[in-house]
PDB file of N, CA and C in Angstrom:
ATOM      1  N   MET A   1       0.852  -1.190   0.000  1.00  0.00           N
ATOM      2  CA  MET A   1       0.000   0.000   0.000  1.00  0.00           C
ATOM      3  C   MET A   1       0.891   1.244   0.000  1.00  0.00           C
ATOM      4  N   PRO A   2       0.692   2.147  -0.926  1.00  0.00           N
ATOM      5  CA  PRO A   2       1.516   3.363  -0.989  1.00  0.00           C
ATOM      6  C   PRO A   2       1.308   4.256   0.248  1.00  0.00           C
ATOM      7  N   ILE A   3       2.378   4.940   0.601  1.00  0.00           N
ATOM      8  CA  ILE A   3       2.333   5.881   1.720  1.00  0.00           C
ATOM      9  C   ILE A   3       2.842   7.227   1.225  1.00  0.00           C
ATOM     10  N   ALA A   4       2.044   8.277   1.440  1.00  0.00           N
ATOM     11  CA  ALA A   4       2.471   9.643   1.098  1.00  0.00           C
ATOM     12  C   ALA A   4       3.057  10.276   2.353  1.00  0.00           C
ATOM     13  N   LYS A   5       4.161  11.001   2.165  1.00  0.00           N
ATOM     14  CA  LYS A   5       4.814  11.675   3.279  1.00  0.00           C
ATOM     15  C   LYS A   5       5.185  13.097   2.880  1.00  0.00           C
ATOM     16  N   ALA A   6       5.126  13.980   3.857  1.00  0.00           N
ATOM     17  CA  ALA A   6       5.650  15.339   3.716  1.00  0.00           C
ATOM     18  C   ALA A   6       6.747  15.474   4.765  1.00  0.00           C
ATOM     19  N   ILE A   7       7.976  15.797   4.309  1.00  0.00           N
ATOM     20  CA  ILE A   7       9.137  15.805   5.189  1.00  0.00           C
ATOM     21  C   ILE A   7       9.894  17.116   5.026  1.00  0.00           C
ATOM     22  N   ALA A   8      10.274  17.711   6.164  1.00  0.00           N
ATOM     23  CA  ALA A   8      11.099  18.927   6.159  1.00  0.00           C
ATOM     24  C   ALA A   8      12.291  18.692   7.076  1.00  0.00           C
ATOM     25  N   ASP A   9      13.482  18.799   6.531  1.00  0.00           N
ATOM     26  CA  ASP A   9      14.712  18.614   7.304  1.00  0.00           C
ATOM     27  C   ASP A   9      14.700  17.333   8.131  1.00  0.00           C
ATOM     28  N   GLY A  10      14.221  16.242   7.539  1.00  0.00           N
ATOM     29  CA  GLY A  10      14.201  14.958   8.218  1.00  0.00           C
ATOM     30  C   GLY A  10      13.027  14.746   9.156  1.00  0.00           C
ATOM     31  N   THR A  11      12.212  15.762   9.366  1.00  0.00           N
ATOM     32  CA  THR A  11      11.033  15.657  10.230  1.00  0.00           C
ATOM     33  C   THR A  11       9.812  15.332   9.384  1.00  0.00           C
ATOM     34  N   VAL A  12       9.123  14.257   9.720  1.00  0.00           N
ATOM     35  CA  VAL A  12       7.898  13.889   8.998  1.00  0.00           C
ATOM     36  C   VAL A  12       6.772  14.783   9.503  1.00  0.00           C
ATOM     37  N   LEU A  13       6.258  15.610   8.615  1.00  0.00           N
ATOM     38  CA  LEU A  13       5.160  16.522   8.954  1.00  0.00           C
ATOM     39  C   LEU A  13       3.810  15.830   8.804  1.00  0.00           C
ATOM     40  N   ALA A  14       3.692  14.997   7.773  1.00  0.00           N
ATOM     41  CA  ALA A  14       2.436  14.288   7.515  1.00  0.00           C
ATOM     42  C   ALA A  14       2.766  12.954   6.873  1.00  0.00           C
ATOM     43  N   GLU A  15       1.909  11.969   7.174  1.00  0.00           N
ATOM     44  CA  GLU A  15       2.079  10.633   6.605  1.00  0.00           C
ATOM     45  C   GLU A  15       0.698  10.005   6.483  1.00  0.00           C
ATOM     46  N   ALA A  16       0.389   9.484   5.288  1.00  0.00           N
ATOM     47  CA  ALA A  16      -0.967   8.961   5.068  1.00  0.00           C
ATOM     48  C   ALA A  16      -0.966   7.830   4.046  1.00  0.00           C
ATOM     49  N   THR A  17      -1.912   6.914   4.222  1.00  0.00           N
ATOM     50  CA  THR A  17      -2.135   5.866   3.227  1.00  0.00           C
ATOM     51  C   THR A  17      -3.300   6.222   2.308  1.00  0.00           C
ATOM     52  N   THR A  18      -4.065   7.241   2.696  1.00  0.00           N
ATOM     53  CA  THR A  18      -5.118   7.763   1.824  1.00  0.00           C
ATOM     54  C   THR A  18      -4.972   9.277   1.763  1.00  0.00           C
ATOM     55  N   TRP A  19      -5.186   9.832   0.590  1.00  0.00           N
ATOM     56  CA  TRP A  19      -5.060  11.260   0.370  1.00  0.00           C
ATOM     57  C   TRP A  19      -5.822  11.615  -0.887  1.00  0.00           C
ATOM     58  N   GLU A  20      -5.937  12.893  -1.131  1.00  0.00           N
ATOM     59  CA  GLU A  20      -6.550  13.378  -2.373  1.00  0.00           C
ATOM     60  C   GLU A  20      -5.458  14.034  -3.209  1.00  0.00           C
ATOM     61  N   GLU A  21      -5.546  13.861  -4.513  1.00  0.00           N
ATOM     62  CA  GLU A  21      -4.592  14.519  -5.404  1.00  0.00           C
ATOM     63  C   GLU A  21      -5.361  15.442  -6.339  1.00  0.00           C
ATOM     64  N   VAL A  22      -4.987  16.703  -6.344  1.00  0.00           N
ATOM     65  CA  VAL A  22      -5.631  17.715  -7.181  1.00  0.00           C
ATOM     66  C   VAL A  22      -4.543  18.544  -7.838  1.00  0.00           C
ATOM     67  N   GLU A  23      -4.608  18.647  -9.142  1.00  0.00           N
ATOM     68  CA  GLU A  23      -3.654  19.449  -9.916  1.00  0.00           C
ATOM     69  C   GLU A  23      -2.208  19.101  -9.568  1.00  0.00           C
ATOM     70  N   GLY A  24      -1.946  17.800  -9.370  1.00  0.00           N
ATOM     71  CA  GLY A  24      -0.593  17.342  -9.085  1.00  0.00           C
ATOM     72  C   GLY A  24      -0.142  17.519  -7.649  1.00  0.00           C
ATOM     73  N   ASN A  25      -1.003  18.062  -6.792  1.00  0.00           N
ATOM     74  CA  ASN A  25      -0.663  18.255  -5.384  1.00  0.00           C
ATOM     75  C   ASN A  25      -1.343  17.198  -4.525  1.00  0.00           C
ATOM     76  N   ILE A  26      -0.604  16.678  -3.558  1.00  0.00           N
ATOM     77  CA  ILE A  26      -1.166  15.717  -2.615  1.00  0.00           C
ATOM     78  C   ILE A  26      -1.751  16.486  -1.446  1.00  0.00           C
ATOM     79  N   TYR A  27      -3.012  16.235  -1.175  1.00  0.00           N
ATOM     80  CA  TYR A  27      -3.705  16.842  -0.037  1.00  0.00           C
ATOM     81  C   TYR A  27      -3.838  15.780   1.053  1.00  0.00           C
ATOM     82  N   PHE A  28      -3.147  16.000   2.158  1.00  0.00           N
ATOM     83  CA  PHE A  28      -3.163  15.079   3.287  1.00  0.00           C
ATOM     84  C   PHE A  28      -4.362  15.376   4.181  1.00  0.00           C
ATOM     85  N   PRO A  29      -5.032  14.333   4.675  1.00  0.00           N
ATOM     86  CA  PRO A  29      -6.089  14.596   5.654  1.00  0.00           C
ATOM     87  C   PRO A  29      -5.466  15.231   6.907  1.00  0.00           C
ATOM     88  N   HIS A  30      -6.206  16.100   7.582  1.00  0.00           N
ATOM     89  CA  HIS A  30      -5.679  16.728   8.799  1.00  0.00           C
ATOM     90  C   HIS A  30      -5.216  15.681   9.800  1.00  0.00           C
ATOM     91  N   SER A  31      -5.875  14.533   9.821  1.00  0.00           N
ATOM     92  CA  SER A  31      -5.501  13.471  10.758  1.00  0.00           C
ATOM     93  C   SER A  31      -4.112  12.897  10.463  1.00  0.00           C
ATOM     94  N   ALA A  32      -3.562  13.162   9.272  1.00  0.00           N
ATOM     95  CA  ALA A  32      -2.234  12.667   8.899  1.00  0.00           C
ATOM     96  C   ALA A  32      -1.104  13.574   9.397  1.00  0.00           C
ATOM     97  N   ILE A  33      -1.452  14.754   9.888  1.00  0.00           N
ATOM     98  CA  ILE A  33      -0.442  15.690  10.389  1.00  0.00           C
ATOM     99  C   ILE A  33       0.124  15.132  11.689  1.00  0.00           C
ATOM    100  N   LYS A  34       1.442  14.972  11.748  1.00  0.00           N
ATOM    101  CA  LYS A  34       2.095  14.355  12.900  1.00  0.00           C
ATOM    102  C   LYS A  34       2.151  15.272  14.120  1.00  0.00           C
ATOM    103  N   ASP A  35       2.403  16.566  13.901  1.00  0.00           N
ATOM    104  CA  ASP A  35       2.514  17.521  15.015  1.00  0.00           C
ATOM    105  C   ASP A  35       1.955  18.859  14.538  1.00  0.00           C
ATOM    106  N   ALA A  36       0.686  19.090  14.826  1.00  0.00           N
ATOM    107  CA  ALA A  36       0.012  20.302  14.338  1.00  0.00           C
ATOM    108  C   ALA A  36       0.665  21.575  14.863  1.00  0.00           C
ATOM    109  N   SER A  37       1.403  21.487  15.958  1.00  0.00           N
ATOM    110  CA  SER A  37       2.048  22.693  16.497  1.00  0.00           C
ATOM    111  C   SER A  37       3.145  23.218  15.576  1.00  0.00           C
ATOM    112  N   LEU A  38       3.603  22.393  14.624  1.00  0.00           N
ATOM    113  CA  LEU A  38       4.620  22.842  13.665  1.00  0.00           C
ATOM    114  C   LEU A  38       4.027  23.682  12.549  1.00  0.00           C
ATOM    115  N   LEU A  39       2.700  23.636  12.399  1.00  0.00           N
ATOM    116  CA  LEU A  39       2.016  24.407  11.356  1.00  0.00           C
ATOM    117  C   LEU A  39       1.410  25.655  11.990  1.00  0.00           C
ATOM    118  N   VAL A  40       1.967  26.796  11.625  1.00  0.00           N
ATOM    119  CA  VAL A  40       1.549  28.075  12.219  1.00  0.00           C
ATOM    120  C   VAL A  40       0.794  28.879  11.172  1.00  0.00           C
ATOM    121  N   PRO A  41      -0.463  29.244  11.451  1.00  0.00           N
ATOM    122  CA  PRO A  41      -1.251  30.008  10.477  1.00  0.00           C
ATOM    123  C   PRO A  41      -0.579  31.332  10.110  1.00  0.00           C
ATOM    124  N   THR A  42      -0.724  31.722   8.850  1.00  0.00           N
ATOM    125  CA  THR A  42      -0.195  33.010   8.388  1.00  0.00           C
ATOM    126  C   THR A  42      -1.358  33.866   7.898  1.00  0.00           C
ATOM    127  N   ASP A  43      -1.053  35.087   7.526  1.00  0.00           N
ATOM    128  CA  ASP A  43      -2.073  36.005   7.022  1.00  0.00           C
ATOM    129  C   ASP A  43      -2.323  35.856   5.522  1.00  0.00           C
ATOM    130  N   LEU A  44      -1.519  35.035   4.847  1.00  0.00           N
ATOM    131  CA  LEU A  44      -1.661  34.894   3.405  1.00  0.00           C
ATOM    132  C   LEU A  44      -2.969  34.192   3.054  1.00  0.00           C
ATOM    133  N   SER A  45      -3.628  34.707   2.044  1.00  0.00           N
ATOM    134  CA  SER A  45      -4.833  34.091   1.508  1.00  0.00           C
ATOM    135  C   SER A  45      -4.793  34.254  -0.007  1.00  0.00           C
ATOM    136  N   THR A  46      -5.160  33.201  -0.714  1.00  0.00           N
ATOM    137  CA  THR A  46      -5.230  33.283  -2.172  1.00  0.00           C
ATOM    138  C   THR A  46      -6.593  32.756  -2.614  1.00  0.00           C
ATOM    139  N   PHE A  47      -6.898  32.981  -3.873  1.00  0.00           N
ATOM    140  CA  PHE A  47      -8.196  32.581  -4.409  1.00  0.00           C
ATOM    141  C   PHE A  47      -8.026  31.741  -5.658  1.00  0.00           C
ATOM    142  N   CYS A  48      -8.752  30.654  -5.724  1.00  0.00           N
ATOM    143  CA  CYS A  48      -8.828  29.815  -6.917  1.00  0.00           C
ATOM    144  C   CYS A  48     -10.279  29.831  -7.383  1.00  0.00           C
ATOM    145  N   PRO A  49     -10.524  30.085  -8.669  1.00  0.00           N
ATOM    146  CA  PRO A  49     -11.899  30.201  -9.141  1.00  0.00           C
ATOM    147  C   PRO A  49     -12.748  28.942  -8.953  1.00  0.00           C
ATOM    148  N   TRP A  50     -12.136  27.765  -8.890  1.00  0.00           N
ATOM    149  CA  TRP A  50     -12.966  26.572  -8.717  1.00  0.00           C
ATOM    150  C   TRP A  50     -12.829  25.909  -7.349  1.00  0.00           C
ATOM    151  N   LYS A  51     -11.765  26.263  -6.591  1.00  0.00           N
ATOM    152  CA  LYS A  51     -11.603  25.673  -5.259  1.00  0.00           C
ATOM    153  C   LYS A  51     -12.031  26.628  -4.152  1.00  0.00           C
ATOM    154  N   GLY A  52     -11.853  27.925  -4.370  1.00  0.00           N
ATOM    155  CA  GLY A  52     -12.231  28.905  -3.354  1.00  0.00           C
ATOM    156  C   GLY A  52     -11.029  29.613  -2.754  1.00  0.00           C
ATOM    157  N   HIS A  53     -11.162  30.041  -1.508  1.00  0.00           N
ATOM    158  CA  HIS A  53     -10.112  30.794  -0.819  1.00  0.00           C
ATOM    159  C   HIS A  53      -9.217  29.841  -0.033  1.00  0.00           C
ATOM    160  N   ALA A  54      -7.910  29.952  -0.265  1.00  0.00           N
ATOM    161  CA  ALA A  54      -6.933  29.127   0.454  1.00  0.00           C
ATOM    162  C   ALA A  54      -6.318  29.927   1.593  1.00  0.00           C
ATOM    163  N   SER A  55      -6.082  29.251   2.689  1.00  0.00           N
ATOM    164  CA  SER A  55      -5.348  29.814   3.823  1.00  0.00           C
ATOM    165  C   SER A  55      -4.037  29.055   3.934  1.00  0.00           C
ATOM    166  N   TYR A  56      -3.056  29.655   4.617  1.00  0.00           N
ATOM    167  CA  TYR A  56      -1.701  29.107   4.616  1.00  0.00           C
ATOM    168  C   TYR A  56      -1.135  28.894   6.006  1.00  0.00           C
ATOM    169  N   TYR A  57      -0.188  27.956   6.052  1.00  0.00           N
ATOM    170  CA  TYR A  57       0.604  27.696   7.256  1.00  0.00           C
ATOM    171  C   TYR A  57       2.078  27.856   6.917  1.00  0.00           C
ATOM    172  N   SER A  58       2.839  28.387   7.871  1.00  0.00           N
ATOM    173  CA  SER A  58       4.287  28.271   7.817  1.00  0.00           C
ATOM    174  C   SER A  58       4.655  27.055   8.650  1.00  0.00           C
ATOM    175  N   VAL A  59       5.742  26.404   8.292  1.00  0.00           N
ATOM    176  CA  VAL A  59       6.259  25.297   9.093  1.00  0.00           C
ATOM    177  C   VAL A  59       7.353  25.888   9.974  1.00  0.00           C
ATOM    178  N   VAL A  60       7.185  25.740  11.289  1.00  0.00           N
ATOM    179  CA  VAL A  60       8.138  26.287  12.250  1.00  0.00           C
ATOM    180  C   VAL A  60       8.705  25.135  13.073  1.00  0.00           C
ATOM    181  N   MET A  61      10.019  24.929  12.918  1.00  0.00           N
ATOM    182  CA  MET A  61      10.724  23.875  13.655  1.00  0.00           C
ATOM    183  C   MET A  61      11.905  24.516  14.369  1.00  0.00           C
ATOM    184  N   GLY A  62      11.763  24.700  15.663  1.00  0.00           N
ATOM    185  CA  GLY A  62      12.832  25.359  16.417  1.00  0.00           C
ATOM    186  C   GLY A  62      13.008  26.777  15.930  1.00  0.00           C
ATOM    187  N   ASP A  63      14.238  27.106  15.516  1.00  0.00           N
ATOM    188  CA  ASP A  63      14.507  28.476  15.056  1.00  0.00           C
ATOM    189  C   ASP A  63      14.384  28.604  13.538  1.00  0.00           C
ATOM    190  N   LYS A  64      13.912  27.553  12.861  1.00  0.00           N
ATOM    191  CA  LYS A  64      13.764  27.594  11.406  1.00  0.00           C
ATOM    192  C   LYS A  64      12.293  27.733  11.033  1.00  0.00           C
ATOM    193  N   THR A  65      12.004  28.681  10.143  1.00  0.00           N
ATOM    194  CA  THR A  65      10.652  28.879   9.632  1.00  0.00           C
ATOM    195  C   THR A  65      10.669  28.717   8.115  1.00  0.00           C
ATOM    196  N   ILE A  66       9.760  27.917   7.612  1.00  0.00           N
ATOM    197  CA  ILE A  66       9.559  27.779   6.169  1.00  0.00           C
ATOM    198  C   ILE A  66       8.237  28.488   5.885  1.00  0.00           C
ATOM    199  N   PRO A  67       8.317  29.728   5.386  1.00  0.00           N
ATOM    200  CA  PRO A  67       7.101  30.539   5.247  1.00  0.00           C
ATOM    201  C   PRO A  67       6.111  29.989   4.220  1.00  0.00           C
ATOM    202  N   ASN A  68       4.839  30.044   4.603  1.00  0.00           N
ATOM    203  CA  ASN A  68       3.738  29.681   3.699  1.00  0.00           C
ATOM    204  C   ASN A  68       4.019  28.382   2.946  1.00  0.00           C
ATOM    205  N   ALA A  69       4.410  27.354   3.682  1.00  0.00           N
ATOM    206  CA  ALA A  69       4.813  26.086   3.086  1.00  0.00           C
ATOM    207  C   ALA A  69       3.640  25.150   2.824  1.00  0.00           C
ATOM    208  N   ALA A  70       2.485  25.431   3.443  1.00  0.00           N
ATOM    209  CA  ALA A  70       1.327  24.555   3.294  1.00  0.00           C
ATOM    210  C   ALA A  70       0.068  25.398   3.149  1.00  0.00           C
ATOM    211  N   TRP A  71      -0.924  24.802   2.522  1.00  0.00           N
ATOM    212  CA  TRP A  71      -2.189  25.519   2.369  1.00  0.00           C
ATOM    213  C   TRP A  71      -3.367  24.558   2.499  1.00  0.00           C
ATOM    214  N   TYR A  72      -4.526  25.158   2.743  1.00  0.00           N
ATOM    215  CA  TYR A  72      -5.761  24.381   2.870  1.00  0.00           C
ATOM    216  C   TYR A  72      -6.945  25.255   2.497  1.00  0.00           C
ATOM    217  N   TYR A  73      -8.045  24.601   2.190  1.00  0.00           N
ATOM    218  CA  TYR A  73      -9.295  25.277   1.863  1.00  0.00           C
ATOM    219  C   TYR A  73     -10.295  24.947   2.969  1.00  0.00           C
ATOM    220  N   ALA A  74     -10.531  25.886   3.868  1.00  0.00           N
ATOM    221  CA  ALA A  74     -11.450  25.647   4.988  1.00  0.00           C
ATOM    222  C   ALA A  74     -12.880  25.428   4.501  1.00  0.00           C
ATOM    223  N   GLU A  75     -13.271  26.197   3.498  1.00  0.00           N
ATOM    224  CA  GLU A  75     -14.621  26.095   2.931  1.00  0.00           C
ATOM    225  C   GLU A  75     -14.523  26.020   1.410  1.00  0.00           C
ATOM    226  N   PRO A  76     -14.061  24.880   0.886  1.00  0.00           N
ATOM    227  CA  PRO A  76     -13.908  24.791  -0.570  1.00  0.00           C
ATOM    228  C   PRO A  76     -15.254  24.834  -1.281  1.00  0.00           C
ATOM    229  N   TYR A  77     -15.212  25.271  -2.523  1.00  0.00           N
ATOM    230  CA  TYR A  77     -16.407  25.239  -3.354  1.00  0.00           C
ATOM    231  C   TYR A  77     -16.814  23.785  -3.591  1.00  0.00           C
ATOM    232  N   ASP A  78     -18.044  23.590  -4.039  1.00  0.00           N
ATOM    233  CA  ASP A  78     -18.573  22.240  -4.249  1.00  0.00           C
ATOM    234  C   ASP A  78     -17.667  21.378  -5.126  1.00  0.00           C
ATOM    235  N   ALA A  79     -17.093  21.963  -6.167  1.00  0.00           N
ATOM    236  CA  ALA A  79     -16.251  21.205  -7.094  1.00  0.00           C
ATOM    237  C   ALA A  79     -14.998  20.647  -6.419  1.00  0.00           C
ATOM    238  N   ALA A  80     -14.588  21.244  -5.310  1.00  0.00           N
ATOM    239  CA  ALA A  80     -13.370  20.821  -4.615  1.00  0.00           C
ATOM    240  C   ALA A  80     -13.661  20.277  -3.214  1.00  0.00           C
ATOM    241  N   MET A  81     -14.885  19.895  -2.965  1.00  0.00           N
ATOM    242  CA  MET A  81     -15.277  19.459  -1.623  1.00  0.00           C
ATOM    243  C   MET A  81     -14.435  18.288  -1.111  1.00  0.00           C
ATOM    244  N   LYS A  82     -13.870  17.487  -2.012  1.00  0.00           N
ATOM    245  CA  LYS A  82     -13.085  16.331  -1.559  1.00  0.00           C
ATOM    246  C   LYS A  82     -11.805  16.733  -0.827  1.00  0.00           C
ATOM    247  N   ILE A  83     -11.371  17.998  -0.939  1.00  0.00           N
ATOM    248  CA  ILE A  83     -10.158  18.423  -0.224  1.00  0.00           C
ATOM    249  C   ILE A  83     -10.477  19.177   1.067  1.00  0.00           C
ATOM    250  N   LYS A  84     -11.750  19.249   1.430  1.00  0.00           N
ATOM    251  CA  LYS A  84     -12.106  19.849   2.720  1.00  0.00           C
ATOM    252  C   LYS A  84     -11.473  18.996   3.822  1.00  0.00           C
ATOM    253  N   GLY A  85     -10.848  19.642   4.789  1.00  0.00           N
ATOM    254  CA  GLY A  85     -10.198  18.907   5.866  1.00  0.00           C
ATOM    255  C   GLY A  85      -8.843  18.326   5.481  1.00  0.00           C
ATOM    256  N   HIS A  86      -8.253  18.852   4.411  1.00  0.00           N
ATOM    257  CA  HIS A  86      -6.953  18.381   3.928  1.00  0.00           C
ATOM    258  C   HIS A  86      -5.958  19.538   3.846  1.00  0.00           C
ATOM    259  N   VAL A  87      -4.679  19.186   3.889  1.00  0.00           N
ATOM    260  CA  VAL A  87      -3.580  20.157   3.808  1.00  0.00           C
ATOM    261  C   VAL A  87      -2.622  19.707   2.714  1.00  0.00           C
ATOM    262  N   ALA A  88      -2.167  20.654   1.893  1.00  0.00           N
ATOM    263  CA  ALA A  88      -1.165  20.371   0.864  1.00  0.00           C
ATOM    264  C   ALA A  88       0.103  21.154   1.187  1.00  0.00           C
ATOM    265  N   PHE A  89       1.228  20.633   0.722  1.00  0.00           N
ATOM    266  CA  PHE A  89       2.526  21.267   0.960  1.00  0.00           C
ATOM    267  C   PHE A  89       3.174  21.619  -0.369  1.00  0.00           C
ATOM    268  N   TYR A  90       3.833  22.784  -0.421  1.00  0.00           N
ATOM    269  CA  TYR A  90       4.573  23.173  -1.617  1.00  0.00           C
ATOM    270  C   TYR A  90       5.779  22.265  -1.768  1.00  0.00           C
ATOM    271  N   THR A  91       5.857  21.560  -2.887  1.00  0.00           N
ATOM    272  CA  THR A  91       6.972  20.646  -3.104  1.00  0.00           C
ATOM    273  C   THR A  91       8.290  21.382  -3.331  1.00  0.00           C
ATOM    274  N   SER A  92       8.229  22.678  -3.589  1.00  0.00           N
ATOM    275  CA  SER A  92       9.454  23.464  -3.702  1.00  0.00           C
ATOM    276  C   SER A  92      10.028  23.805  -2.328  1.00  0.00           C
ATOM    277  N   LYS A  93       9.230  23.594  -1.263  1.00  0.00           N
ATOM    278  CA  LYS A  93       9.659  23.926   0.100  1.00  0.00           C
ATOM    279  C   LYS A  93       9.735  22.700   1.009  1.00  0.00           C
ATOM    280  N   ILE A  94       8.904  21.701   0.743  1.00  0.00           N
ATOM    281  CA  ILE A  94       8.767  20.499   1.565  1.00  0.00           C
ATOM    282  C   ILE A  94       8.900  19.278   0.654  1.00  0.00           C
ATOM    283  N   ASP A  95       9.600  18.252   1.094  1.00  0.00           N
ATOM    284  CA  ASP A  95       9.708  17.019   0.309  1.00  0.00           C
ATOM    285  C   ASP A  95       8.416  16.226   0.470  1.00  0.00           C
ATOM    286  N   VAL A  96       7.699  16.055  -0.636  1.00  0.00           N
ATOM    287  CA  VAL A  96       6.478  15.255  -0.638  1.00  0.00           C
ATOM    288  C   VAL A  96       6.732  14.044  -1.519  1.00  0.00           C
ATOM    289  N   THR A  97       6.584  12.872  -0.919  1.00  0.00           N
ATOM    290  CA  THR A  97       6.860  11.633  -1.638  1.00  0.00           C
ATOM    291  C   THR A  97       5.718  10.642  -1.486  1.00  0.00           C
ATOM    292  N   VAL A  98       5.647   9.738  -2.453  1.00  0.00           N
ATOM    293  CA  VAL A  98       4.740   8.588  -2.348  1.00  0.00           C
ATOM    294  C   VAL A  98       5.619   7.360  -2.555  1.00  0.00           C
ATOM    295  N   GLU A  99       5.623   6.498  -1.557  1.00  0.00           N
ATOM    296  CA  GLU A  99       6.476   5.293  -1.613  1.00  0.00           C
ATOM    297  C   GLU A  99       5.618   4.049  -1.667  1.00  0.00           C
TER     298      GLU A  99
END
């Protein structure tokens, strides 16, 4: 069974055997987040015409911050309802793998 992982500097941020994939991004269920205290909400918000408004988290580990490294749709539009309760990570900032 494949396992998706999001890893930053050797720390596993999320790990799941089930996830949603949208536009090439893996959306992890919130329950897959290993330590929610590492995800710190930011003020950034963006808009997608079919998914809705995205909110962002920075990943904070000790004295290192990876700004706006993850995003989620708290109230996605109907077309994207399958990613409600999920978090995605920027692969340019976080290692996201499926093994």
